Amino acid sequence: MSYLNGNGIEPRRSTNVTVRALPLAQARAGESVRIVALRGGGREMDELAVAGLAPGRLCIVLGQLPGGATLIGFDERRLAIGGTAAAEIWVRLVAS
């Protein structure tokens, strides 16, 4: 069941719930996020760490790509992260 606000738009988050962290895959285009944790392991996470993605890094979500990938930007770079990896990267929203 969905609830609409007065503008006919479904609110993203309830004002009664504090969001501590969410997977990068759930962040929306235009949101600024700070990396909290890289969960999981394997080669893909190692490559992301080498590319500069680490806890504390401030990024902007540029968009969601077909197939579930997430496009982010940081340090004058763009990086596409596969859907599985984006679900294992936890972030906090940062007020812009």
N, C-alpha and C. Protein backbone atom coordinates (compact mmCIF):
# COMPACT_ATOMS: atom_id res chain seq x y z
N MET A 1 0.84 -1.16 0.00
CA MET A 1 0.00 0.00 0.00
C MET A 1 0.89 1.23 0.00
N SER A 2 0.57 2.21 -0.82
CA SER A 2 1.36 3.43 -0.85
C SER A 2 0.51 4.61 -0.39
N TYR A 3 1.18 5.59 0.15
CA TYR A 3 0.53 6.80 0.62
C TYR A 3 1.09 7.98 -0.14
N LEU A 4 0.22 8.89 -0.55
CA LEU A 4 0.65 10.06 -1.30
C LEU A 4 0.54 11.29 -0.42
N ASN A 5 1.50 12.21 -0.59
CA ASN A 5 1.39 13.46 0.15
C ASN A 5 0.44 14.40 -0.59
N GLY A 6 0.31 15.62 -0.15
CA GLY A 6 -0.62 16.57 -0.76
C GLY A 6 -0.33 16.89 -2.21
N ASN A 7 0.90 16.66 -2.67
CA ASN A 7 1.26 16.93 -4.06
C ASN A 7 1.05 15.72 -4.96
N GLY A 8 0.52 14.62 -4.41
CA GLY A 8 0.33 13.42 -5.20
C GLY A 8 1.61 12.63 -5.41
N ILE A 9 2.61 12.89 -4.58
CA ILE A 9 3.91 12.22 -4.70
C ILE A 9 4.11 11.34 -3.49
N GLU A 10 4.52 10.11 -3.75
CA GLU A 10 4.78 9.20 -2.64
C GLU A 10 6.06 9.62 -1.93
N PRO A 11 6.02 9.86 -0.62
CA PRO A 11 7.24 10.25 0.10
C PRO A 11 8.25 9.10 0.12
N ARG A 12 9.52 9.44 0.08
CA ARG A 12 10.57 8.43 0.04
C ARG A 12 10.77 7.77 1.38
N ARG A 13 10.80 8.55 2.43
CA ARG A 13 11.04 8.03 3.78
C ARG A 13 10.06 8.69 4.74
N SER A 14 9.65 7.92 5.70
CA SER A 14 8.78 8.46 6.73
C SER A 14 9.57 9.42 7.61
N THR A 15 8.95 10.46 8.07
CA THR A 15 9.63 11.41 8.95
C THR A 15 9.81 10.82 10.35
N ASN A 16 9.16 9.70 10.62
CA ASN A 16 9.27 9.05 11.92
C ASN A 16 10.44 8.07 12.00
N VAL A 17 11.13 7.86 10.89
CA VAL A 17 12.20 6.87 10.84
C VAL A 17 13.52 7.57 10.57
N THR A 18 14.53 7.25 11.35
CA THR A 18 15.86 7.79 11.12
C THR A 18 16.64 6.80 10.27
N VAL A 19 17.14 7.26 9.13
CA VAL A 19 17.91 6.39 8.25
C VAL A 19 19.37 6.53 8.63
N ARG A 20 19.95 5.45 9.14
CA ARG A 20 21.35 5.49 9.54
C ARG A 20 22.24 5.21 8.34
N ALA A 21 21.94 4.18 7.60
CA ALA A 21 22.74 3.84 6.42
C ALA A 21 21.85 3.05 5.47
N LEU A 22 22.20 3.09 4.20
CA LEU A 22 21.47 2.34 3.19
C LEU A 22 22.45 1.88 2.13
N PRO A 23 22.09 0.84 1.39
CA PRO A 23 22.97 0.40 0.31
C PRO A 23 23.05 1.47 -0.79
N LEU A 24 24.20 1.61 -1.38
CA LEU A 24 24.38 2.58 -2.46
C LEU A 24 23.37 2.34 -3.57
N ALA A 25 23.00 1.11 -3.80
CA ALA A 25 22.04 0.77 -4.86
C ALA A 25 20.68 1.44 -4.63
N GLN A 26 20.37 1.85 -3.40
CA GLN A 26 19.08 2.48 -3.10
C GLN A 26 19.14 4.00 -3.12
N ALA A 27 20.32 4.58 -3.26
CA ALA A 27 20.44 6.04 -3.33
C ALA A 27 19.93 6.52 -4.68
N ARG A 28 19.41 7.71 -4.70
CA ARG A 28 18.84 8.28 -5.93
C ARG A 28 19.80 9.26 -6.59
N ALA A 29 19.61 9.45 -7.88
CA ALA A 29 20.41 10.39 -8.65
C ALA A 29 20.33 11.77 -8.02
N GLY A 30 21.47 12.43 -7.89
CA GLY A 30 21.55 13.77 -7.34
C GLY A 30 21.83 13.80 -5.85
N GLU A 31 21.74 12.67 -5.16
CA GLU A 31 22.00 12.64 -3.72
C GLU A 31 23.49 12.57 -3.45
N SER A 32 23.91 13.32 -2.45
CA SER A 32 25.29 13.23 -1.96
C SER A 32 25.33 12.20 -0.86
N VAL A 33 26.32 11.32 -0.93
CA VAL A 33 26.44 10.24 0.06
C VAL A 33 27.88 10.14 0.54
N ARG A 34 28.03 9.62 1.76
CA ARG A 34 29.35 9.33 2.31
C ARG A 34 29.43 7.83 2.51
N ILE A 35 30.51 7.22 2.01
CA ILE A 35 30.70 5.78 2.15
C ILE A 35 30.91 5.45 3.63
N VAL A 36 30.15 4.48 4.13
CA VAL A 36 30.26 4.05 5.52
C VAL A 36 31.02 2.73 5.60
N ALA A 37 30.70 1.79 4.71
CA ALA A 37 31.34 0.47 4.77
C ALA A 37 31.29 -0.20 3.41
N LEU A 38 32.33 -0.97 3.11
CA LEU A 38 32.36 -1.84 1.94
C LEU A 38 32.23 -3.26 2.48
N ARG A 39 31.07 -3.86 2.29
CA ARG A 39 30.85 -5.21 2.80
C ARG A 39 31.13 -6.19 1.69
N GLY A 40 31.28 -7.43 2.06
CA GLY A 40 31.59 -8.43 1.05
C GLY A 40 33.08 -8.41 0.79
N GLY A 41 33.47 -9.02 -0.25
CA GLY A 41 34.89 -9.08 -0.56
C GLY A 41 35.07 -9.44 -2.01
N GLY A 42 36.20 -9.94 -2.31
CA GLY A 42 36.45 -10.35 -3.68
C GLY A 42 37.16 -9.29 -4.49
N ARG A 43 37.40 -9.65 -5.71
CA ARG A 43 38.18 -8.81 -6.60
C ARG A 43 37.52 -7.46 -6.89
N GLU A 44 36.21 -7.47 -7.06
CA GLU A 44 35.52 -6.21 -7.38
C GLU A 44 35.68 -5.18 -6.26
N MET A 45 35.55 -5.60 -5.02
CA MET A 45 35.71 -4.68 -3.89
C MET A 45 37.16 -4.20 -3.80
N ASP A 46 38.11 -5.08 -4.08
CA ASP A 46 39.52 -4.68 -4.10
C ASP A 46 39.77 -3.62 -5.16
N GLU A 47 39.17 -3.80 -6.34
CA GLU A 47 39.33 -2.83 -7.43
C GLU A 47 38.71 -1.48 -7.08
N LEU A 48 37.58 -1.51 -6.40
CA LEU A 48 36.94 -0.26 -5.98
C LEU A 48 37.81 0.48 -4.96
N ALA A 49 38.42 -0.27 -4.06
CA ALA A 49 39.32 0.35 -3.08
C ALA A 49 40.52 0.98 -3.77
N VAL A 50 41.08 0.30 -4.77
CA VAL A 50 42.22 0.85 -5.52
C VAL A 50 41.79 2.11 -6.28
N ALA A 51 40.53 2.15 -6.75
CA ALA A 51 40.02 3.32 -7.47
C ALA A 51 39.77 4.50 -6.53
N GLY A 52 39.87 4.28 -5.21
CA GLY A 52 39.71 5.37 -4.26
C GLY A 52 38.42 5.35 -3.48
N LEU A 53 37.61 4.33 -3.68
CA LEU A 53 36.36 4.22 -2.95
C LEU A 53 36.64 3.56 -1.61
N ALA A 54 36.50 4.30 -0.53
CA ALA A 54 36.80 3.80 0.80
C ALA A 54 35.88 4.49 1.80
N PRO A 55 35.70 3.92 2.98
CA PRO A 55 34.88 4.57 4.00
C PRO A 55 35.36 6.01 4.24
N GLY A 56 34.39 6.91 4.33
CA GLY A 56 34.68 8.32 4.52
C GLY A 56 34.63 9.13 3.22
N ARG A 57 34.70 8.48 2.08
CA ARG A 57 34.70 9.15 0.77
C ARG A 57 33.33 9.78 0.51
N LEU A 58 33.32 11.03 0.11
CA LEU A 58 32.10 11.74 -0.26
C LEU A 58 31.89 11.59 -1.76
N CYS A 59 30.70 11.18 -2.16
CA CYS A 59 30.38 10.94 -3.57
C CYS A 59 29.02 11.55 -3.89
N ILE A 60 28.75 11.71 -5.16
CA ILE A 60 27.42 12.10 -5.61
C ILE A 60 26.92 11.00 -6.54
N VAL A 61 25.67 10.62 -6.36
CA VAL A 61 25.06 9.60 -7.21
C VAL A 61 24.62 10.31 -8.49
N LEU A 62 25.18 9.88 -9.60
CA LEU A 62 24.86 10.50 -10.89
C LEU A 62 23.68 9.83 -11.57
N GLY A 63 23.43 8.56 -11.24
CA GLY A 63 22.28 7.88 -11.83
C GLY A 63 22.33 6.38 -11.64
N GLN A 64 21.20 5.77 -11.97
CA GLN A 64 21.08 4.32 -11.96
C GLN A 64 21.07 3.87 -13.42
N LEU A 65 21.90 2.93 -13.77
CA LEU A 65 22.04 2.46 -15.14
C LEU A 65 21.22 1.19 -15.36
N PRO A 66 20.90 0.88 -16.61
CA PRO A 66 20.18 -0.36 -16.89
C PRO A 66 20.96 -1.56 -16.35
N GLY A 67 20.25 -2.52 -15.83
CA GLY A 67 20.89 -3.70 -15.29
C GLY A 67 21.24 -3.57 -13.82
N GLY A 68 20.92 -2.43 -13.20
CA GLY A 68 21.14 -2.27 -11.77
C GLY A 68 22.42 -1.58 -11.36
N ALA A 69 23.27 -1.20 -12.30
CA ALA A 69 24.51 -0.51 -11.96
C ALA A 69 24.22 0.91 -11.47
N THR A 70 25.10 1.43 -10.64
CA THR A 70 24.98 2.79 -10.11
C THR A 70 26.17 3.60 -10.58
N LEU A 71 25.92 4.78 -11.10
CA LEU A 71 26.98 5.68 -11.56
C LEU A 71 27.20 6.74 -10.49
N ILE A 72 28.44 6.84 -10.00
CA ILE A 72 28.78 7.84 -8.98
C ILE A 72 29.91 8.72 -9.49
N GLY A 73 30.06 9.87 -8.86
CA GLY A 73 31.14 10.78 -9.17
C GLY A 73 31.86 11.19 -7.91
N PHE A 74 33.19 11.28 -7.99
CA PHE A 74 34.01 11.79 -6.90
C PHE A 74 35.37 12.16 -7.47
N ASP A 75 36.00 13.17 -6.91
CA ASP A 75 37.33 13.62 -7.34
C ASP A 75 37.44 13.78 -8.86
N GLU A 76 36.47 14.45 -9.46
CA GLU A 76 36.49 14.70 -10.91
C GLU A 76 36.45 13.41 -11.74
N ARG A 77 35.98 12.32 -11.13
CA ARG A 77 35.89 11.04 -11.83
C ARG A 77 34.46 10.52 -11.80
N ARG A 78 34.16 9.64 -12.73
CA ARG A 78 32.89 8.90 -12.73
C ARG A 78 33.23 7.43 -12.64
N LEU A 79 32.40 6.71 -11.91
CA LEU A 79 32.64 5.30 -11.71
C LEU A 79 31.31 4.57 -11.75
N ALA A 80 31.20 3.56 -12.62
CA ALA A 80 30.00 2.72 -12.67
C ALA A 80 30.25 1.49 -11.81
N ILE A 81 29.34 1.22 -10.90
CA ILE A 81 29.47 0.11 -9.97
C ILE A 81 28.32 -0.85 -10.22
N GLY A 82 28.64 -2.12 -10.44
CA GLY A 82 27.63 -3.13 -10.70
C GLY A 82 26.62 -3.24 -9.58
N GLY A 83 25.44 -3.73 -9.91
CA GLY A 83 24.35 -3.81 -8.95
C GLY A 83 24.66 -4.63 -7.71
N THR A 84 25.35 -5.75 -7.89
CA THR A 84 25.69 -6.59 -6.74
C THR A 84 26.65 -5.87 -5.80
N ALA A 85 27.66 -5.22 -6.35
CA ALA A 85 28.61 -4.47 -5.53
C ALA A 85 27.94 -3.26 -4.88
N ALA A 86 27.07 -2.56 -5.64
CA ALA A 86 26.39 -1.38 -5.09
C ALA A 86 25.50 -1.75 -3.91
N ALA A 87 25.00 -2.98 -3.88
CA ALA A 87 24.19 -3.44 -2.75
C ALA A 87 25.04 -3.75 -1.53
N GLU A 88 26.35 -3.91 -1.72
CA GLU A 88 27.27 -4.23 -0.62
C GLU A 88 28.03 -3.01 -0.11
N ILE A 89 27.79 -1.84 -0.72
CA ILE A 89 28.43 -0.60 -0.30
C ILE A 89 27.38 0.21 0.48
N TRP A 90 27.66 0.43 1.76
CA TRP A 90 26.70 1.14 2.61
C TRP A 90 27.10 2.60 2.73
N VAL A 91 26.10 3.48 2.63
CA VAL A 91 26.32 4.91 2.61
C VAL A 91 25.35 5.62 3.55
N ARG A 92 25.69 6.86 3.87
CA ARG A 92 24.80 7.76 4.58
C ARG A 92 24.53 8.96 3.68
N LEU A 93 23.30 9.42 3.69
CA LEU A 93 22.97 10.61 2.92
C LEU A 93 23.59 11.83 3.58
N VAL A 94 24.06 12.76 2.77
CA VAL A 94 24.70 13.99 3.26
C VAL A 94 23.84 15.15 2.78
N ALA A 95 23.51 16.05 3.68
CA ALA A 95 22.73 17.23 3.30
C ALA A 95 23.55 18.07 2.34
N SER A 96 22.89 18.51 1.27
CA SER A 96 23.63 19.31 0.26
C SER A 96 23.44 20.77 0.45
